[in-house]
Amino acid sequence: MDRPRSVGMPWYRAQDYSRLLEVMEDADRLPGSHEAWRLSAEQVEGEVKRSGVAVVRVVIEPDGFVAWCTAHGLRANAASRARFANESAADPGLAAAARP
């Protein structure tokens, strides 16, 4: 199986993180603080880049993301965040459209 050339990575802004934890059904699986999440995400990002895959950071705006999930019959969880990030990496207009 060929490795993808790039992947979308869900990215969260500090000012959105508390709202993100409110709306995600799997919030208990996310770090309790933005700083803890950021440190972990940067480590994963570095590992992916070192494997030769480009990483596209895709900002997840909580309310816009929930609206996108609803429109697609999806739950607000890790699988949907990954799908949104990968689809947005392929179509940058998608992430912009999911912002209120």
N, C-alpha and C. Protein backbone atom coordinates (compact mmCIF):
# COMPACT_ATOMS: atom_id res chain seq x y z
N MET A 1 0.84 -1.18 0.00
CA MET A 1 0.00 0.00 0.00
C MET A 1 0.88 1.24 0.00
N ASP A 2 0.60 2.15 -0.89
CA ASP A 2 1.39 3.37 -0.98
C ASP A 2 1.08 4.31 0.18
N ARG A 3 2.12 4.96 0.66
CA ARG A 3 1.97 5.95 1.73
C ARG A 3 1.44 7.23 1.11
N PRO A 4 0.49 7.91 1.80
CA PRO A 4 -0.01 9.18 1.25
C PRO A 4 1.09 10.23 1.22
N ARG A 5 0.98 11.15 0.28
CA ARG A 5 1.97 12.23 0.17
C ARG A 5 1.75 13.29 1.23
N SER A 6 0.48 13.45 1.65
CA SER A 6 0.17 14.41 2.70
C SER A 6 -1.06 13.94 3.47
N VAL A 7 -1.15 14.40 4.70
CA VAL A 7 -2.31 14.10 5.53
C VAL A 7 -2.77 15.38 6.20
N GLY A 8 -4.06 15.45 6.44
CA GLY A 8 -4.61 16.55 7.20
C GLY A 8 -4.53 16.22 8.68
N MET A 9 -4.16 17.20 9.47
CA MET A 9 -4.08 17.01 10.91
C MET A 9 -4.98 18.01 11.60
N PRO A 10 -5.95 17.52 12.38
CA PRO A 10 -6.81 18.47 13.11
C PRO A 10 -5.94 19.36 14.00
N TRP A 11 -6.23 20.66 13.95
CA TRP A 11 -5.45 21.62 14.73
C TRP A 11 -6.42 22.50 15.49
N TYR A 12 -6.13 22.74 16.76
CA TYR A 12 -7.04 23.49 17.63
C TYR A 12 -6.37 24.76 18.13
N ARG A 13 -7.10 25.86 18.03
CA ARG A 13 -6.60 27.14 18.55
C ARG A 13 -6.84 27.19 20.05
N ALA A 14 -5.93 27.83 20.76
CA ALA A 14 -6.04 27.93 22.22
C ALA A 14 -7.37 28.53 22.63
N GLN A 15 -7.82 29.56 21.91
CA GLN A 15 -9.07 30.22 22.29
C GLN A 15 -10.30 29.35 22.04
N ASP A 16 -10.17 28.29 21.27
CA ASP A 16 -11.30 27.39 20.98
C ASP A 16 -11.29 26.13 21.82
N TYR A 17 -10.23 25.88 22.56
CA TYR A 17 -10.05 24.56 23.15
C TYR A 17 -11.12 24.22 24.19
N SER A 18 -11.49 25.13 25.04
CA SER A 18 -12.51 24.79 26.05
C SER A 18 -13.85 24.49 25.37
N ARG A 19 -14.19 25.24 24.32
CA ARG A 19 -15.43 24.96 23.58
C ARG A 19 -15.33 23.61 22.87
N LEU A 20 -14.17 23.31 22.34
CA LEU A 20 -13.96 22.02 21.70
C LEU A 20 -14.25 20.88 22.67
N LEU A 21 -13.76 21.00 23.89
CA LEU A 21 -13.99 19.96 24.88
C LEU A 21 -15.48 19.84 25.22
N GLU A 22 -16.22 20.93 25.11
CA GLU A 22 -17.66 20.90 25.39
C GLU A 22 -18.44 20.16 24.32
N VAL A 23 -18.04 20.27 23.06
CA VAL A 23 -18.85 19.74 21.97
C VAL A 23 -18.42 18.36 21.46
N MET A 24 -17.24 17.91 21.82
CA MET A 24 -16.78 16.61 21.32
C MET A 24 -17.26 15.49 22.21
N GLU A 25 -17.83 14.46 21.61
CA GLU A 25 -18.35 13.35 22.40
C GLU A 25 -17.24 12.54 23.04
N ASP A 26 -16.03 12.65 22.52
CA ASP A 26 -14.89 11.92 23.08
C ASP A 26 -13.91 12.86 23.79
N ALA A 27 -14.44 13.93 24.37
CA ALA A 27 -13.58 14.92 25.03
C ALA A 27 -12.74 14.29 26.14
N ASP A 28 -13.24 13.23 26.74
CA ASP A 28 -12.49 12.55 27.80
C ASP A 28 -11.20 11.91 27.28
N ARG A 29 -11.08 11.79 25.97
CA ARG A 29 -9.87 11.20 25.38
C ARG A 29 -8.88 12.27 24.94
N LEU A 30 -9.27 13.54 25.05
CA LEU A 30 -8.39 14.66 24.69
C LEU A 30 -7.71 15.19 25.94
N PRO A 31 -6.49 15.73 25.80
CA PRO A 31 -5.83 16.34 26.96
C PRO A 31 -6.70 17.46 27.55
N GLY A 32 -6.58 17.67 28.85
CA GLY A 32 -7.39 18.67 29.53
C GLY A 32 -7.02 20.11 29.23
N SER A 33 -5.83 20.33 28.69
CA SER A 33 -5.43 21.70 28.38
C SER A 33 -4.92 21.79 26.95
N HIS A 34 -5.04 22.99 26.39
CA HIS A 34 -4.53 23.21 25.04
C HIS A 34 -3.03 22.99 24.98
N GLU A 35 -2.33 23.43 25.98
CA GLU A 35 -0.87 23.29 25.98
C GLU A 35 -0.47 21.82 25.94
N ALA A 36 -1.12 20.99 26.74
CA ALA A 36 -0.82 19.55 26.73
C ALA A 36 -1.15 18.94 25.37
N TRP A 37 -2.29 19.34 24.79
CA TRP A 37 -2.65 18.84 23.47
C TRP A 37 -1.60 19.28 22.44
N ARG A 38 -1.23 20.56 22.47
CA ARG A 38 -0.29 21.09 21.48
C ARG A 38 1.05 20.36 21.51
N LEU A 39 1.57 20.12 22.70
CA LEU A 39 2.85 19.41 22.82
C LEU A 39 2.76 18.01 22.21
N SER A 40 1.67 17.32 22.50
CA SER A 40 1.47 15.98 21.94
C SER A 40 1.30 16.04 20.43
N ALA A 41 0.50 16.99 19.96
CA ALA A 41 0.25 17.12 18.52
C ALA A 41 1.53 17.45 17.76
N GLU A 42 2.36 18.32 18.32
CA GLU A 42 3.61 18.67 17.64
C GLU A 42 4.55 17.46 17.57
N GLN A 43 4.52 16.61 18.58
CA GLN A 43 5.34 15.40 18.56
C GLN A 43 4.86 14.47 17.45
N VAL A 44 3.56 14.24 17.38
CA VAL A 44 2.99 13.38 16.33
C VAL A 44 3.29 13.98 14.95
N GLU A 45 3.11 15.28 14.82
CA GLU A 45 3.36 15.96 13.56
C GLU A 45 4.81 15.73 13.11
N GLY A 46 5.73 15.85 14.03
CA GLY A 46 7.14 15.64 13.71
C GLY A 46 7.42 14.21 13.26
N GLU A 47 6.80 13.24 13.91
CA GLU A 47 6.99 11.84 13.54
C GLU A 47 6.46 11.57 12.13
N VAL A 48 5.29 12.13 11.83
CA VAL A 48 4.71 11.94 10.50
C VAL A 48 5.61 12.58 9.44
N LYS A 49 6.08 13.79 9.71
CA LYS A 49 6.95 14.47 8.75
C LYS A 49 8.24 13.69 8.53
N ARG A 50 8.81 13.14 9.61
CA ARG A 50 10.05 12.37 9.49
C ARG A 50 9.85 11.10 8.64
N SER A 51 8.60 10.64 8.57
CA SER A 51 8.31 9.45 7.75
C SER A 51 8.19 9.80 6.27
N GLY A 52 8.29 11.10 5.96
CA GLY A 52 8.24 11.53 4.57
C GLY A 52 6.87 11.98 4.10
N VAL A 53 5.93 12.10 5.02
CA VAL A 53 4.57 12.54 4.67
C VAL A 53 4.40 13.99 5.10
N ALA A 54 3.90 14.82 4.20
CA ALA A 54 3.64 16.22 4.53
C ALA A 54 2.40 16.31 5.42
N VAL A 55 2.42 17.23 6.35
CA VAL A 55 1.29 17.43 7.26
C VAL A 55 0.66 18.78 6.96
N VAL A 56 -0.66 18.77 6.79
CA VAL A 56 -1.42 20.00 6.59
C VAL A 56 -2.24 20.23 7.85
N ARG A 57 -1.92 21.28 8.59
CA ARG A 57 -2.69 21.60 9.78
C ARG A 57 -4.04 22.17 9.36
N VAL A 58 -5.10 21.59 9.87
CA VAL A 58 -6.46 22.03 9.55
C VAL A 58 -7.12 22.47 10.85
N VAL A 59 -7.38 23.77 10.97
CA VAL A 59 -7.99 24.30 12.18
C VAL A 59 -9.44 23.82 12.27
N ILE A 60 -9.76 23.25 13.43
CA ILE A 60 -11.12 22.81 13.70
C ILE A 60 -11.78 23.88 14.55
N GLU A 61 -12.76 24.56 13.97
CA GLU A 61 -13.56 25.54 14.70
C GLU A 61 -14.74 24.76 15.26
N PRO A 62 -14.90 24.71 16.60
CA PRO A 62 -15.85 23.79 17.21
C PRO A 62 -17.28 23.84 16.66
N ASP A 63 -17.90 25.00 16.62
CA ASP A 63 -19.29 25.06 16.20
C ASP A 63 -19.45 24.78 14.71
N GLY A 64 -18.54 25.27 13.91
CA GLY A 64 -18.58 24.97 12.48
C GLY A 64 -18.36 23.49 12.21
N PHE A 65 -17.49 22.87 13.00
CA PHE A 65 -17.24 21.44 12.85
C PHE A 65 -18.47 20.63 13.22
N VAL A 66 -19.14 21.00 14.30
CA VAL A 66 -20.35 20.29 14.70
C VAL A 66 -21.41 20.42 13.61
N ALA A 67 -21.53 21.59 13.01
CA ALA A 67 -22.49 21.79 11.92
C ALA A 67 -22.12 20.89 10.74
N TRP A 68 -20.84 20.79 10.41
CA TRP A 68 -20.38 19.92 9.32
C TRP A 68 -20.73 18.47 9.63
N CYS A 69 -20.50 18.04 10.88
CA CYS A 69 -20.82 16.67 11.28
C CYS A 69 -22.31 16.41 11.11
N THR A 70 -23.13 17.35 11.58
CA THR A 70 -24.58 17.19 11.47
C THR A 70 -25.00 17.07 10.01
N ALA A 71 -24.45 17.91 9.17
CA ALA A 71 -24.79 17.89 7.74
C ALA A 71 -24.40 16.58 7.07
N HIS A 72 -23.38 15.89 7.62
CA HIS A 72 -22.91 14.64 7.03
C HIS A 72 -23.36 13.41 7.81
N GLY A 73 -24.21 13.62 8.82
CA GLY A 73 -24.69 12.48 9.61
C GLY A 73 -23.60 11.81 10.43
N LEU A 74 -22.64 12.61 10.89
CA LEU A 74 -21.52 12.08 11.65
C LEU A 74 -21.57 12.56 13.09
N ARG A 75 -20.86 11.86 13.94
CA ARG A 75 -20.74 12.25 15.34
C ARG A 75 -19.47 13.09 15.50
N ALA A 76 -19.48 13.99 16.44
CA ALA A 76 -18.31 14.85 16.70
C ALA A 76 -17.30 14.06 17.53
N ASN A 77 -16.41 13.35 16.84
CA ASN A 77 -15.44 12.51 17.52
C ASN A 77 -14.13 12.46 16.71
N ALA A 78 -13.21 11.66 17.18
CA ALA A 78 -11.88 11.60 16.55
C ALA A 78 -11.95 11.16 15.10
N ALA A 79 -12.78 10.17 14.79
CA ALA A 79 -12.87 9.70 13.41
C ALA A 79 -13.36 10.81 12.49
N SER A 80 -14.33 11.58 12.95
CA SER A 80 -14.87 12.68 12.13
C SER A 80 -13.85 13.81 12.01
N ARG A 81 -13.11 14.09 13.10
CA ARG A 81 -12.08 15.12 13.02
C ARG A 81 -11.02 14.73 12.00
N ALA A 82 -10.62 13.46 12.00
CA ALA A 82 -9.63 13.00 11.03
C ALA A 82 -10.17 13.09 9.61
N ARG A 83 -11.41 12.70 9.42
CA ARG A 83 -12.02 12.79 8.08
C ARG A 83 -12.08 14.23 7.61
N PHE A 84 -12.54 15.12 8.49
CA PHE A 84 -12.64 16.53 8.15
C PHE A 84 -11.27 17.09 7.79
N ALA A 85 -10.25 16.74 8.59
CA ALA A 85 -8.90 17.25 8.34
C ALA A 85 -8.37 16.75 7.00
N ASN A 86 -8.56 15.48 6.70
CA ASN A 86 -8.06 14.94 5.44
C ASN A 86 -8.82 15.51 4.24
N GLU A 87 -10.13 15.63 4.36
CA GLU A 87 -10.91 16.22 3.26
C GLU A 87 -10.56 17.69 3.08
N SER A 88 -10.32 18.40 4.18
CA SER A 88 -9.96 19.82 4.10
C SER A 88 -8.57 20.01 3.52
N ALA A 89 -7.66 19.09 3.81
CA ALA A 89 -6.32 19.17 3.25
C ALA A 89 -6.38 19.04 1.73
N ALA A 90 -7.31 18.21 1.26
CA ALA A 90 -7.48 18.02 -0.18
C ALA A 90 -8.27 19.17 -0.81
N ASP A 91 -9.14 19.81 -0.02
CA ASP A 91 -10.00 20.90 -0.51
C ASP A 91 -10.01 22.01 0.55
N PRO A 92 -9.04 22.92 0.52
CA PRO A 92 -8.93 23.97 1.55
C PRO A 92 -10.20 24.81 1.73
N GLY A 93 -11.03 24.88 0.72
CA GLY A 93 -12.28 25.64 0.86
C GLY A 93 -13.23 25.01 1.85
N LEU A 94 -13.10 23.71 2.10
CA LEU A 94 -13.98 23.03 3.03
C LEU A 94 -13.81 23.56 4.44
N ALA A 95 -12.59 23.70 4.91
CA ALA A 95 -12.35 24.20 6.26
C ALA A 95 -12.87 25.63 6.40
N ALA A 96 -12.66 26.43 5.39
CA ALA A 96 -13.16 27.81 5.44
C ALA A 96 -14.67 27.84 5.49
N ALA A 97 -15.31 26.93 4.79
CA ALA A 97 -16.78 26.89 4.77
C ALA A 97 -17.34 26.42 6.11
N ALA A 98 -16.56 25.71 6.89
CA ALA A 98 -17.04 25.20 8.18
C ALA A 98 -16.82 26.18 9.31
N ARG A 99 -16.47 27.40 8.99
CA ARG A 99 -16.35 28.45 10.02
C ARG A 99 -17.59 29.32 9.99
N PRO A 100 -18.16 29.53 11.17
CA PRO A 100 -19.39 30.37 11.21
C PRO A 100 -19.11 31.81 10.86
